[in-house]
Amino acid sequence: MNSPEQTSPRQRLQQLLSIPERQRTDAEWDEINELEIELAPGNREMPQDRDNRRPTPSAAIFGKPGGAGGGGGQGKRPFKKPNKRQPRRNPR
């Protein structure tokens, strides 16, 4: 049958997850945990010859790092300075 070296980590994880939880051995649980950690988005190896970060759609359209407004992310309003309060008049 296939050895772990011949199957991709993603396929091996699917094989292990297809086993009912009550029937999994401790070694299979350990292997599931290792594969999930290995395949997590933060742990994937990135190619070093190119930058994989994609710009946000608004940054791509307007050519600015912060997007169209330049003041932050989507849905944020720019800071508005509060109006100065008028002093109270003393009634006589």
N, C-alpha and C. Protein backbone atom coordinates (compact mmCIF):
# COMPACT_ATOMS: atom_id res chain seq x y z
N MET A 1 0.83 -1.18 0.00
CA MET A 1 0.00 0.00 0.00
C MET A 1 0.88 1.25 0.00
N ASN A 2 0.28 2.44 0.03
CA ASN A 2 1.06 3.67 0.00
C ASN A 2 1.72 3.95 1.33
N SER A 3 2.98 4.30 1.28
CA SER A 3 3.67 4.69 2.50
C SER A 3 3.48 6.20 2.68
N PRO A 4 3.72 6.75 3.88
CA PRO A 4 3.53 8.17 4.10
C PRO A 4 4.39 9.05 3.18
N GLU A 5 5.53 8.52 2.69
CA GLU A 5 6.39 9.30 1.81
C GLU A 5 5.77 9.45 0.42
N GLN A 6 4.90 8.51 0.01
CA GLN A 6 4.34 8.54 -1.34
C GLN A 6 3.08 9.40 -1.43
N THR A 7 2.40 9.64 -0.33
CA THR A 7 1.19 10.45 -0.36
C THR A 7 1.52 11.87 0.11
N SER A 8 0.80 12.83 -0.44
CA SER A 8 1.03 14.21 -0.01
C SER A 8 0.50 14.38 1.41
N PRO A 9 1.02 15.36 2.14
CA PRO A 9 0.53 15.57 3.51
C PRO A 9 -0.97 15.85 3.55
N ARG A 10 -1.49 16.56 2.55
CA ARG A 10 -2.92 16.87 2.51
C ARG A 10 -3.75 15.59 2.33
N GLN A 11 -3.28 14.69 1.45
CA GLN A 11 -4.00 13.43 1.24
C GLN A 11 -3.92 12.55 2.48
N ARG A 12 -2.76 12.53 3.12
CA ARG A 12 -2.59 11.72 4.33
C ARG A 12 -3.51 12.23 5.43
N LEU A 13 -3.63 13.54 5.56
CA LEU A 13 -4.52 14.10 6.57
C LEU A 13 -5.96 13.69 6.29
N GLN A 14 -6.37 13.73 5.04
CA GLN A 14 -7.73 13.31 4.69
C GLN A 14 -7.96 11.84 5.02
N GLN A 15 -6.94 11.00 4.76
CA GLN A 15 -7.05 9.57 5.09
C GLN A 15 -7.24 9.38 6.60
N LEU A 16 -6.44 10.12 7.38
CA LEU A 16 -6.52 9.98 8.83
C LEU A 16 -7.85 10.52 9.36
N LEU A 17 -8.34 11.60 8.77
CA LEU A 17 -9.60 12.17 9.24
C LEU A 17 -10.80 11.31 8.86
N SER A 18 -10.63 10.44 7.87
CA SER A 18 -11.74 9.56 7.48
C SER A 18 -11.93 8.42 8.49
N ILE A 19 -10.95 8.19 9.33
CA ILE A 19 -11.06 7.16 10.38
C ILE A 19 -11.94 7.73 11.50
N PRO A 20 -12.95 6.98 11.94
CA PRO A 20 -13.78 7.47 13.05
C PRO A 20 -12.93 7.77 14.29
N GLU A 21 -13.29 8.81 15.02
CA GLU A 21 -12.49 9.26 16.15
C GLU A 21 -12.26 8.17 17.19
N ARG A 22 -13.27 7.37 17.45
CA ARG A 22 -13.14 6.32 18.48
C ARG A 22 -12.17 5.23 18.07
N GLN A 23 -11.91 5.09 16.75
CA GLN A 23 -11.05 4.01 16.28
C GLN A 23 -9.61 4.46 16.03
N ARG A 24 -9.32 5.74 16.20
CA ARG A 24 -7.96 6.23 15.95
C ARG A 24 -7.02 5.87 17.09
N THR A 25 -5.80 5.49 16.73
CA THR A 25 -4.78 5.20 17.73
C THR A 25 -4.11 6.50 18.16
N ASP A 26 -3.33 6.43 19.23
CA ASP A 26 -2.60 7.61 19.68
C ASP A 26 -1.62 8.09 18.62
N ALA A 27 -0.99 7.16 17.92
CA ALA A 27 -0.05 7.53 16.86
C ALA A 27 -0.77 8.27 15.72
N GLU A 28 -1.98 7.82 15.40
CA GLU A 28 -2.75 8.50 14.34
C GLU A 28 -3.17 9.90 14.79
N TRP A 29 -3.56 10.05 16.06
CA TRP A 29 -3.89 11.37 16.58
C TRP A 29 -2.68 12.29 16.52
N ASP A 30 -1.51 11.76 16.90
CA ASP A 30 -0.28 12.56 16.85
C ASP A 30 0.04 12.99 15.42
N GLU A 31 -0.14 12.07 14.48
CA GLU A 31 0.14 12.38 13.08
C GLU A 31 -0.84 13.44 12.55
N ILE A 32 -2.11 13.35 12.95
CA ILE A 32 -3.10 14.36 12.56
C ILE A 32 -2.68 15.73 13.07
N ASN A 33 -2.28 15.79 14.34
CA ASN A 33 -1.86 17.07 14.92
C ASN A 33 -0.65 17.64 14.18
N GLU A 34 0.34 16.80 13.89
CA GLU A 34 1.54 17.27 13.18
C GLU A 34 1.19 17.77 11.78
N LEU A 35 0.32 17.05 11.08
CA LEU A 35 -0.06 17.46 9.72
C LEU A 35 -0.87 18.76 9.74
N GLU A 36 -1.76 18.92 10.72
CA GLU A 36 -2.52 20.16 10.80
C GLU A 36 -1.61 21.35 11.08
N ILE A 37 -0.62 21.18 11.92
CA ILE A 37 0.34 22.25 12.19
C ILE A 37 1.15 22.54 10.94
N GLU A 38 1.61 21.52 10.27
CA GLU A 38 2.43 21.68 9.06
C GLU A 38 1.66 22.39 7.95
N LEU A 39 0.37 22.08 7.82
CA LEU A 39 -0.44 22.63 6.73
C LEU A 39 -1.13 23.94 7.09
N ALA A 40 -0.96 24.43 8.31
CA ALA A 40 -1.57 25.70 8.70
C ALA A 40 -1.02 26.83 7.84
N PRO A 41 -1.85 27.83 7.50
CA PRO A 41 -1.41 28.91 6.61
C PRO A 41 -0.16 29.64 7.09
N GLY A 42 0.01 29.84 8.36
CA GLY A 42 1.17 30.54 8.88
C GLY A 42 2.45 29.75 8.81
N ASN A 43 2.35 28.43 8.64
CA ASN A 43 3.53 27.58 8.64
C ASN A 43 3.94 27.10 7.26
N ARG A 44 3.25 27.52 6.22
CA ARG A 44 3.61 27.10 4.87
C ARG A 44 4.88 27.79 4.44
N GLU A 45 5.70 27.06 3.70
CA GLU A 45 6.94 27.64 3.19
C GLU A 45 6.62 28.53 2.01
N MET A 46 7.21 29.73 2.00
CA MET A 46 6.99 30.68 0.93
C MET A 46 8.17 30.64 -0.05
N PRO A 47 7.90 30.73 -1.34
CA PRO A 47 9.01 30.83 -2.29
C PRO A 47 9.76 32.14 -2.04
N GLN A 48 11.09 32.08 -2.09
CA GLN A 48 11.89 33.24 -1.75
C GLN A 48 12.12 34.17 -2.95
N ASP A 49 11.77 33.73 -4.16
CA ASP A 49 12.06 34.55 -5.33
C ASP A 49 10.97 35.57 -5.62
N ARG A 50 9.80 35.49 -4.96
CA ARG A 50 8.76 36.47 -5.21
C ARG A 50 7.99 36.79 -3.95
N ASP A 51 7.39 37.96 -3.94
CA ASP A 51 6.63 38.41 -2.79
C ASP A 51 5.19 37.95 -2.98
N ASN A 52 4.68 37.13 -2.07
CA ASN A 52 3.35 36.56 -2.23
C ASN A 52 2.24 37.44 -1.67
N ARG A 53 2.59 38.55 -1.04
CA ARG A 53 1.55 39.40 -0.49
C ARG A 53 0.84 40.12 -1.62
N ARG A 54 -0.47 40.02 -1.62
CA ARG A 54 -1.26 40.69 -2.65
C ARG A 54 -1.77 42.01 -2.09
N PRO A 55 -1.77 43.07 -2.89
CA PRO A 55 -2.31 44.34 -2.41
C PRO A 55 -3.83 44.25 -2.28
N THR A 56 -4.38 45.11 -1.46
CA THR A 56 -5.82 45.15 -1.33
C THR A 56 -6.40 45.66 -2.64
N PRO A 57 -7.65 45.33 -2.95
CA PRO A 57 -8.22 45.77 -4.22
C PRO A 57 -8.19 47.28 -4.39
N SER A 58 -8.46 48.05 -3.34
CA SER A 58 -8.46 49.50 -3.48
C SER A 58 -7.04 50.01 -3.71
N ALA A 59 -6.04 49.37 -3.10
CA ALA A 59 -4.67 49.80 -3.32
C ALA A 59 -4.24 49.49 -4.74
N ALA A 60 -4.74 48.39 -5.28
CA ALA A 60 -4.38 48.05 -6.64
C ALA A 60 -5.01 49.02 -7.63
N ILE A 61 -6.20 49.50 -7.32
CA ILE A 61 -6.89 50.42 -8.22
C ILE A 61 -6.27 51.80 -8.16
N PHE A 62 -6.03 52.31 -6.98
CA PHE A 62 -5.59 53.68 -6.81
C PHE A 62 -4.08 53.83 -6.64
N GLY A 63 -3.38 52.72 -6.49
CA GLY A 63 -1.92 52.77 -6.39
C GLY A 63 -1.39 53.31 -5.09
N LYS A 64 -2.22 53.31 -4.05
CA LYS A 64 -1.79 53.81 -2.75
C LYS A 64 -1.70 52.64 -1.78
N PRO A 65 -0.75 52.68 -0.85
CA PRO A 65 -0.64 51.57 0.09
C PRO A 65 -1.84 51.48 1.02
N GLY A 66 -2.49 52.57 1.35
CA GLY A 66 -3.61 52.53 2.28
C GLY A 66 -4.95 52.42 1.58
N GLY A 67 -4.98 52.38 0.29
CA GLY A 67 -6.24 52.29 -0.44
C GLY A 67 -6.70 53.64 -0.93
N ALA A 68 -7.98 53.76 -1.25
CA ALA A 68 -8.52 54.96 -1.87
C ALA A 68 -8.47 56.15 -0.93
N GLY A 69 -8.86 55.96 0.34
CA GLY A 69 -8.93 57.08 1.26
C GLY A 69 -7.58 57.45 1.83
N GLY A 70 -6.67 56.53 1.84
CA GLY A 70 -5.36 56.79 2.38
C GLY A 70 -5.36 56.86 3.90
N GLY A 71 -6.53 56.78 4.52
CA GLY A 71 -6.61 56.96 5.96
C GLY A 71 -6.84 55.68 6.72
N GLY A 72 -6.78 54.55 6.08
CA GLY A 72 -6.95 53.31 6.82
C GLY A 72 -7.69 52.27 6.02
N GLY A 73 -8.25 51.31 6.74
CA GLY A 73 -8.87 50.17 6.09
C GLY A 73 -10.30 50.45 5.66
N GLN A 74 -10.92 49.43 5.19
CA GLN A 74 -12.27 49.53 4.67
C GLN A 74 -13.25 49.86 5.80
N GLY A 75 -14.16 50.79 5.52
CA GLY A 75 -15.19 51.10 6.48
C GLY A 75 -14.78 52.07 7.57
N LYS A 76 -13.57 52.55 7.57
CA LYS A 76 -13.14 53.50 8.60
C LYS A 76 -13.26 54.91 8.06
N ARG A 77 -13.74 55.80 8.92
CA ARG A 77 -13.84 57.19 8.53
C ARG A 77 -12.58 57.91 8.99
N PRO A 78 -12.17 58.93 8.28
CA PRO A 78 -10.99 59.69 8.73
C PRO A 78 -11.32 60.45 10.02
N PHE A 79 -10.30 60.73 10.78
CA PHE A 79 -10.47 61.44 12.04
C PHE A 79 -10.98 62.84 11.78
N LYS A 80 -12.02 63.24 12.50
CA LYS A 80 -12.58 64.58 12.37
C LYS A 80 -12.38 65.31 13.68
N LYS A 81 -11.72 66.46 13.61
CA LYS A 81 -11.44 67.24 14.81
C LYS A 81 -12.77 67.77 15.36
N PRO A 82 -13.01 67.57 16.65
CA PRO A 82 -14.28 68.04 17.22
C PRO A 82 -14.32 69.57 17.23
N ASN A 83 -15.54 70.11 17.08
CA ASN A 83 -15.72 71.55 17.13
C ASN A 83 -15.49 72.06 18.54
N LYS A 84 -14.93 73.26 18.62
CA LYS A 84 -14.71 73.87 19.92
C LYS A 84 -16.04 74.41 20.43
N ARG A 85 -16.34 74.16 21.69
CA ARG A 85 -17.60 74.59 22.27
C ARG A 85 -17.60 76.08 22.53
N GLN A 86 -18.70 76.71 22.24
CA GLN A 86 -18.82 78.14 22.50
C GLN A 86 -18.99 78.36 24.01
N PRO A 87 -18.37 79.42 24.55
CA PRO A 87 -18.55 79.70 25.99
C PRO A 87 -19.99 80.10 26.28
N ARG A 88 -20.45 79.79 27.47
CA ARG A 88 -21.81 80.14 27.90
C ARG A 88 -21.90 81.64 28.19
N ARG A 89 -23.02 82.17 27.84
CA ARG A 89 -23.29 83.57 28.18
C ARG A 89 -23.93 83.62 29.57
N ASN A 90 -23.57 84.60 30.35
CA ASN A 90 -24.18 84.76 31.68
C ASN A 90 -25.47 85.53 31.53
N PRO A 91 -26.61 84.93 31.87
CA PRO A 91 -27.87 85.67 31.81
C PRO A 91 -27.95 86.68 32.95
N ARG A 92 -28.45 87.87 32.65
CA ARG A 92 -28.56 88.88 33.71
C ARG A 92 -29.94 89.02 34.21
